């Protein structure tokens, strides 16, 4: 499915570390691994590709099956930072637009 993410796509981490504060004010931290996350939309995708590939892929993978997320395979410099084994999180609903094109939301989280 040849598509680029729309402006405003987001990536980063989901911070999971926890902070506790004692009565005296001393803070204690429990550091936990933080998975990388990616969210955004693929705009204006042909409806046949949207339903035949994306919709069907998310339906089959659900929130369970991991896959390789490789957002920019042409930029070798950031392969270690961007490529990840990921699982889908609830991306929301696809948007139907006119002229047989759809906007496809995505939301992924790294498998730790």
N, C-alpha and C. Protein backbone atom coordinates (compact mmCIF):
# COMPACT_ATOMS: atom_id res chain seq x y z
N UNK A 1 0.85 -1.17 0.00
CA UNK A 1 0.00 0.00 0.00
C UNK A 1 0.90 1.23 0.00
N UNK A 2 1.12 1.83 -1.12
CA UNK A 2 1.98 3.03 -1.14
C UNK A 2 1.23 4.23 -0.57
N UNK A 3 1.65 4.68 0.60
CA UNK A 3 1.02 5.83 1.24
C UNK A 3 2.01 6.47 2.19
N UNK A 4 1.91 7.76 2.35
CA UNK A 4 2.72 8.50 3.31
C UNK A 4 1.83 9.00 4.43
N UNK A 5 2.41 9.09 5.61
CA UNK A 5 1.64 9.60 6.75
C UNK A 5 1.33 11.08 6.54
N UNK A 6 0.20 11.50 7.07
CA UNK A 6 -0.21 12.91 6.98
C UNK A 6 0.65 13.75 7.91
N UNK A 7 0.69 15.05 7.62
CA UNK A 7 1.36 15.97 8.54
C UNK A 7 0.71 15.86 9.90
N UNK A 8 1.52 15.91 10.92
CA UNK A 8 1.01 15.78 12.28
C UNK A 8 1.12 14.38 12.85
N UNK A 9 1.66 13.42 12.06
CA UNK A 9 1.87 12.07 12.60
C UNK A 9 2.82 12.19 13.80
N UNK A 10 2.62 11.34 14.79
CA UNK A 10 3.40 11.45 16.03
C UNK A 10 4.15 10.16 16.31
N UNK A 11 5.29 10.31 16.95
CA UNK A 11 6.06 9.16 17.42
C UNK A 11 6.77 9.56 18.70
N UNK A 12 7.13 8.57 19.49
CA UNK A 12 7.80 8.85 20.76
C UNK A 12 7.79 7.63 21.64
N UNK A 13 7.59 7.83 22.94
CA UNK A 13 7.61 6.76 23.92
C UNK A 13 6.37 6.85 24.80
N UNK A 14 5.99 5.71 25.35
CA UNK A 14 4.97 5.69 26.40
C UNK A 14 5.73 5.44 27.70
N UNK A 15 5.84 6.50 28.51
CA UNK A 15 6.60 6.40 29.74
C UNK A 15 5.81 5.60 30.77
N UNK A 16 6.48 4.61 31.37
CA UNK A 16 5.82 3.71 32.31
C UNK A 16 6.44 3.75 33.70
N UNK A 17 7.57 4.45 33.86
CA UNK A 17 8.23 4.50 35.16
C UNK A 17 7.29 5.11 36.20
N UNK A 18 7.46 4.69 37.45
CA UNK A 18 6.59 5.16 38.51
C UNK A 18 7.39 5.92 39.56
N UNK A 19 6.76 6.90 40.14
CA UNK A 19 7.36 7.73 41.18
C UNK A 19 6.57 7.57 42.47
N UNK A 20 7.30 7.39 43.56
CA UNK A 20 6.68 7.34 44.89
C UNK A 20 7.36 8.38 45.77
N UNK A 21 6.57 9.01 46.61
CA UNK A 21 7.12 10.03 47.51
C UNK A 21 6.86 9.63 48.95
N UNK A 22 7.91 9.60 49.77
CA UNK A 22 7.79 9.25 51.19
C UNK A 22 7.22 10.44 51.96
N UNK A 23 6.81 10.17 53.20
CA UNK A 23 6.25 11.25 54.04
C UNK A 23 7.23 12.40 54.17
N UNK A 24 8.50 12.12 54.22
CA UNK A 24 9.51 13.16 54.40
C UNK A 24 9.83 13.92 53.12
N UNK A 25 9.25 13.50 51.99
CA UNK A 25 9.46 14.21 50.74
C UNK A 25 10.49 13.58 49.81
N UNK A 26 11.13 12.51 50.28
CA UNK A 26 12.12 11.83 49.43
C UNK A 26 11.38 11.06 48.34
N UNK A 27 11.85 11.21 47.13
CA UNK A 27 11.20 10.52 46.01
C UNK A 27 11.99 9.27 45.63
N UNK A 28 11.24 8.23 45.32
CA UNK A 28 11.80 6.96 44.90
C UNK A 28 11.20 6.64 43.53
N UNK A 29 12.01 6.13 42.63
CA UNK A 29 11.55 5.85 41.27
C UNK A 29 11.72 4.37 40.95
N UNK A 30 10.75 3.84 40.24
CA UNK A 30 10.86 2.49 39.69
C UNK A 30 10.88 2.62 38.18
N UNK A 31 12.06 2.44 37.61
CA UNK A 31 12.21 2.60 36.16
C UNK A 31 11.71 1.34 35.46
N UNK A 32 10.84 1.54 34.47
CA UNK A 32 10.31 0.44 33.68
C UNK A 32 10.63 0.70 32.21
N UNK A 33 10.73 -0.36 31.42
CA UNK A 33 10.98 -0.16 29.99
C UNK A 33 9.86 0.68 29.36
N UNK A 34 10.25 1.54 28.43
CA UNK A 34 9.24 2.39 27.78
C UNK A 34 9.17 2.02 26.30
N UNK A 35 8.01 1.56 25.86
CA UNK A 35 7.86 1.18 24.46
C UNK A 35 7.74 2.40 23.56
N UNK A 36 8.28 2.29 22.36
CA UNK A 36 8.09 3.33 21.36
C UNK A 36 6.67 3.25 20.84
N UNK A 37 6.11 4.38 20.47
CA UNK A 37 4.76 4.43 19.94
C UNK A 37 4.74 5.28 18.67
N UNK A 38 3.76 5.02 17.83
CA UNK A 38 3.56 5.80 16.60
C UNK A 38 2.06 5.92 16.36
N UNK A 39 1.63 7.14 16.02
CA UNK A 39 0.22 7.40 15.73
C UNK A 39 0.12 8.38 14.59
N UNK A 40 -0.87 8.19 13.77
CA UNK A 40 -1.07 9.13 12.68
C UNK A 40 -2.17 8.66 11.75
N UNK A 41 -2.12 9.20 10.54
CA UNK A 41 -3.12 8.88 9.53
C UNK A 41 -2.44 8.78 8.18
N UNK A 42 -2.86 7.81 7.41
CA UNK A 42 -2.49 7.75 5.99
C UNK A 42 -3.66 8.37 5.22
N UNK A 43 -3.48 9.57 4.67
CA UNK A 43 -4.60 10.24 4.02
C UNK A 43 -4.77 9.83 2.56
N UNK A 44 -5.98 9.94 2.08
CA UNK A 44 -6.29 9.81 0.66
C UNK A 44 -5.77 8.50 0.04
N UNK A 45 -6.08 7.38 0.68
CA UNK A 45 -5.68 6.07 0.17
C UNK A 45 -6.84 5.51 -0.66
N UNK A 46 -6.51 4.95 -1.80
CA UNK A 46 -7.51 4.33 -2.67
C UNK A 46 -8.37 3.36 -1.86
N UNK A 47 -9.68 3.43 -2.01
CA UNK A 47 -10.58 2.61 -1.20
C UNK A 47 -10.32 1.11 -1.38
N UNK A 48 -9.96 0.66 -2.57
CA UNK A 48 -9.67 -0.76 -2.76
C UNK A 48 -8.48 -1.19 -1.91
N UNK A 49 -7.44 -0.36 -1.85
CA UNK A 49 -6.28 -0.68 -1.01
C UNK A 49 -6.65 -0.55 0.46
N UNK A 50 -7.46 0.45 0.79
CA UNK A 50 -7.85 0.67 2.18
C UNK A 50 -8.61 -0.53 2.74
N UNK A 51 -9.57 -1.02 1.99
CA UNK A 51 -10.37 -2.15 2.47
C UNK A 51 -9.67 -3.48 2.24
N UNK A 52 -9.07 -3.64 1.07
CA UNK A 52 -8.46 -4.91 0.72
C UNK A 52 -7.18 -5.22 1.46
N UNK A 53 -6.48 -4.18 1.88
CA UNK A 53 -5.21 -4.41 2.58
C UNK A 53 -5.28 -3.96 4.03
N UNK A 54 -5.45 -2.67 4.26
CA UNK A 54 -5.35 -2.10 5.61
C UNK A 54 -6.45 -2.62 6.54
N UNK A 55 -7.68 -2.48 6.13
CA UNK A 55 -8.81 -2.93 6.94
C UNK A 55 -8.67 -4.42 7.26
N UNK A 56 -8.34 -5.19 6.24
CA UNK A 56 -8.20 -6.64 6.42
C UNK A 56 -7.00 -6.99 7.30
N UNK A 57 -5.90 -6.26 7.14
CA UNK A 57 -4.72 -6.49 7.96
C UNK A 57 -5.01 -6.24 9.43
N UNK A 58 -5.64 -5.11 9.74
CA UNK A 58 -5.96 -4.81 11.13
C UNK A 58 -6.98 -5.78 11.69
N UNK A 59 -7.92 -6.21 10.87
CA UNK A 59 -8.91 -7.18 11.32
C UNK A 59 -8.26 -8.50 11.70
N UNK A 60 -7.29 -8.93 10.91
CA UNK A 60 -6.63 -10.21 11.19
C UNK A 60 -5.62 -10.12 12.32
N UNK A 61 -4.85 -9.03 12.37
CA UNK A 61 -3.82 -8.90 13.42
C UNK A 61 -4.43 -8.58 14.77
N UNK A 62 -5.53 -7.83 14.77
CA UNK A 62 -6.18 -7.39 16.00
C UNK A 62 -5.14 -6.69 16.88
N UNK A 63 -5.25 -6.82 18.17
CA UNK A 63 -4.29 -6.23 19.09
C UNK A 63 -3.24 -7.25 19.52
N UNK A 64 -3.28 -8.43 18.93
CA UNK A 64 -2.51 -9.57 19.43
C UNK A 64 -1.23 -9.83 18.65
N UNK A 65 -1.33 -9.90 17.34
CA UNK A 65 -0.21 -10.34 16.52
C UNK A 65 0.81 -9.21 16.28
N UNK A 66 2.10 -9.47 16.53
CA UNK A 66 3.12 -8.47 16.25
C UNK A 66 3.50 -8.44 14.77
N UNK A 67 4.05 -7.32 14.35
CA UNK A 67 4.51 -7.14 12.97
C UNK A 67 5.69 -6.18 12.99
N UNK A 68 6.41 -6.11 11.89
CA UNK A 68 7.54 -5.20 11.78
C UNK A 68 7.05 -3.86 11.25
N UNK A 69 7.24 -2.80 12.03
CA UNK A 69 6.90 -1.43 11.62
C UNK A 69 8.20 -0.76 11.19
N UNK A 70 8.25 -0.39 9.95
CA UNK A 70 9.46 0.18 9.35
C UNK A 70 9.03 1.42 8.57
N UNK A 71 8.83 2.57 9.26
CA UNK A 71 8.19 3.72 8.63
C UNK A 71 8.97 4.37 7.50
N UNK A 72 10.28 4.41 7.58
CA UNK A 72 11.08 5.05 6.53
C UNK A 72 12.26 4.16 6.16
N UNK A 73 12.02 3.13 5.36
CA UNK A 73 13.11 2.20 5.03
C UNK A 73 14.21 2.82 4.19
N UNK A 74 13.97 3.96 3.56
CA UNK A 74 14.99 4.60 2.74
C UNK A 74 15.99 5.41 3.56
N UNK A 75 15.70 5.69 4.81
CA UNK A 75 16.58 6.50 5.65
C UNK A 75 17.36 5.57 6.57
N UNK A 76 18.48 5.06 6.09
CA UNK A 76 19.27 4.06 6.83
C UNK A 76 19.78 4.58 8.17
N UNK A 77 20.03 5.86 8.24
CA UNK A 77 20.62 6.45 9.44
C UNK A 77 19.79 6.20 10.70
N UNK A 78 18.47 6.10 10.57
CA UNK A 78 17.60 5.96 11.73
C UNK A 78 16.90 4.61 11.84
N UNK A 79 17.40 3.62 11.14
CA UNK A 79 16.78 2.30 11.19
C UNK A 79 16.65 1.79 12.63
N UNK A 80 17.71 1.90 13.44
CA UNK A 80 17.67 1.39 14.81
C UNK A 80 16.69 2.17 15.68
N UNK A 81 16.44 3.42 15.35
CA UNK A 81 15.54 4.25 16.15
C UNK A 81 14.08 4.08 15.73
N UNK A 82 13.84 3.79 14.47
CA UNK A 82 12.46 3.78 13.97
C UNK A 82 11.86 2.40 13.77
N UNK A 83 12.63 1.46 13.27
CA UNK A 83 12.08 0.12 13.00
C UNK A 83 11.84 -0.60 14.33
N UNK A 84 10.70 -1.26 14.44
CA UNK A 84 10.40 -1.96 15.69
C UNK A 84 9.40 -3.08 15.45
N UNK A 85 9.46 -4.06 16.31
CA UNK A 85 8.43 -5.08 16.36
C UNK A 85 7.28 -4.45 17.14
N UNK A 86 6.12 -4.34 16.51
CA UNK A 86 5.03 -3.57 17.11
C UNK A 86 3.74 -4.38 17.11
N UNK A 87 2.81 -3.88 17.90
CA UNK A 87 1.43 -4.37 17.90
C UNK A 87 0.52 -3.16 17.71
N UNK A 88 -0.60 -3.41 17.09
CA UNK A 88 -1.58 -2.34 16.91
C UNK A 88 -2.24 -2.03 18.25
N UNK A 89 -2.50 -0.76 18.47
CA UNK A 89 -3.40 -0.35 19.55
C UNK A 89 -4.62 0.21 18.83
N UNK A 90 -5.65 0.53 19.54
CA UNK A 90 -6.88 0.96 18.87
C UNK A 90 -6.65 2.28 18.13
N UNK A 91 -6.65 2.26 16.79
CA UNK A 91 -6.37 3.48 16.04
C UNK A 91 -7.58 4.37 15.83
N UNK A 92 -8.75 3.89 16.15
CA UNK A 92 -9.95 4.64 15.84
C UNK A 92 -10.52 4.17 14.51
N UNK A 93 -11.50 4.88 14.01
CA UNK A 93 -12.20 4.46 12.80
C UNK A 93 -11.59 5.08 11.54
N UNK A 94 -11.72 4.36 10.44
CA UNK A 94 -11.30 4.88 9.15
C UNK A 94 -12.29 5.95 8.71
N UNK A 95 -11.81 6.93 7.95
CA UNK A 95 -12.67 8.00 7.46
C UNK A 95 -12.97 7.80 5.98
N UNK A 96 -14.23 7.77 5.65
CA UNK A 96 -14.63 7.66 4.24
C UNK A 96 -14.72 9.07 3.67
N UNK A 97 -14.05 9.29 2.57
CA UNK A 97 -14.11 10.58 1.90
C UNK A 97 -14.69 10.36 0.52
N UNK A 98 -14.72 11.39 -0.27
CA UNK A 98 -15.28 11.27 -1.61
C UNK A 98 -14.24 10.74 -2.59
N UNK A 99 -14.70 10.44 -3.77
CA UNK A 99 -13.82 10.02 -4.87
C UNK A 99 -13.13 8.70 -4.60
N UNK A 100 -13.75 7.81 -3.84
CA UNK A 100 -13.21 6.47 -3.56
C UNK A 100 -11.83 6.49 -2.91
N UNK A 101 -11.61 7.42 -2.00
CA UNK A 101 -10.39 7.42 -1.19
C UNK A 101 -10.79 7.52 0.28
N UNK A 102 -9.97 6.93 1.13
CA UNK A 102 -10.23 6.92 2.57
C UNK A 102 -9.01 7.42 3.32
N UNK A 103 -9.24 7.91 4.54
CA UNK A 103 -8.15 8.25 5.46
C UNK A 103 -8.04 7.12 6.47
N UNK A 104 -6.83 6.60 6.64
CA UNK A 104 -6.62 5.42 7.48
C UNK A 104 -5.80 5.78 8.72
N UNK A 105 -6.38 5.70 9.90
CA UNK A 105 -5.62 5.97 11.11
C UNK A 105 -4.75 4.76 11.47
N UNK A 106 -3.64 5.05 12.13
CA UNK A 106 -2.81 3.95 12.67
C UNK A 106 -2.34 4.33 14.07
N UNK A 107 -2.13 3.33 14.90
CA UNK A 107 -1.61 3.50 16.26
C UNK A 107 -0.91 2.20 16.62
N UNK A 108 0.40 2.29 16.86
CA UNK A 108 1.22 1.11 17.14
C UNK A 108 2.02 1.33 18.42
N UNK A 109 2.34 0.22 19.09
CA UNK A 109 3.21 0.26 20.26
C UNK A 109 4.22 -0.87 20.15
N UNK A 110 5.45 -0.57 20.52
CA UNK A 110 6.54 -1.54 20.45
C UNK A 110 6.30 -2.72 21.38
N UNK A 111 6.66 -3.91 20.92
CA UNK A 111 6.60 -5.10 21.74
C UNK A 111 7.90 -5.16 22.54
N UNK A 112 7.80 -5.16 23.86
CA UNK A 112 9.01 -5.19 24.70
C UNK A 112 9.37 -6.60 25.08
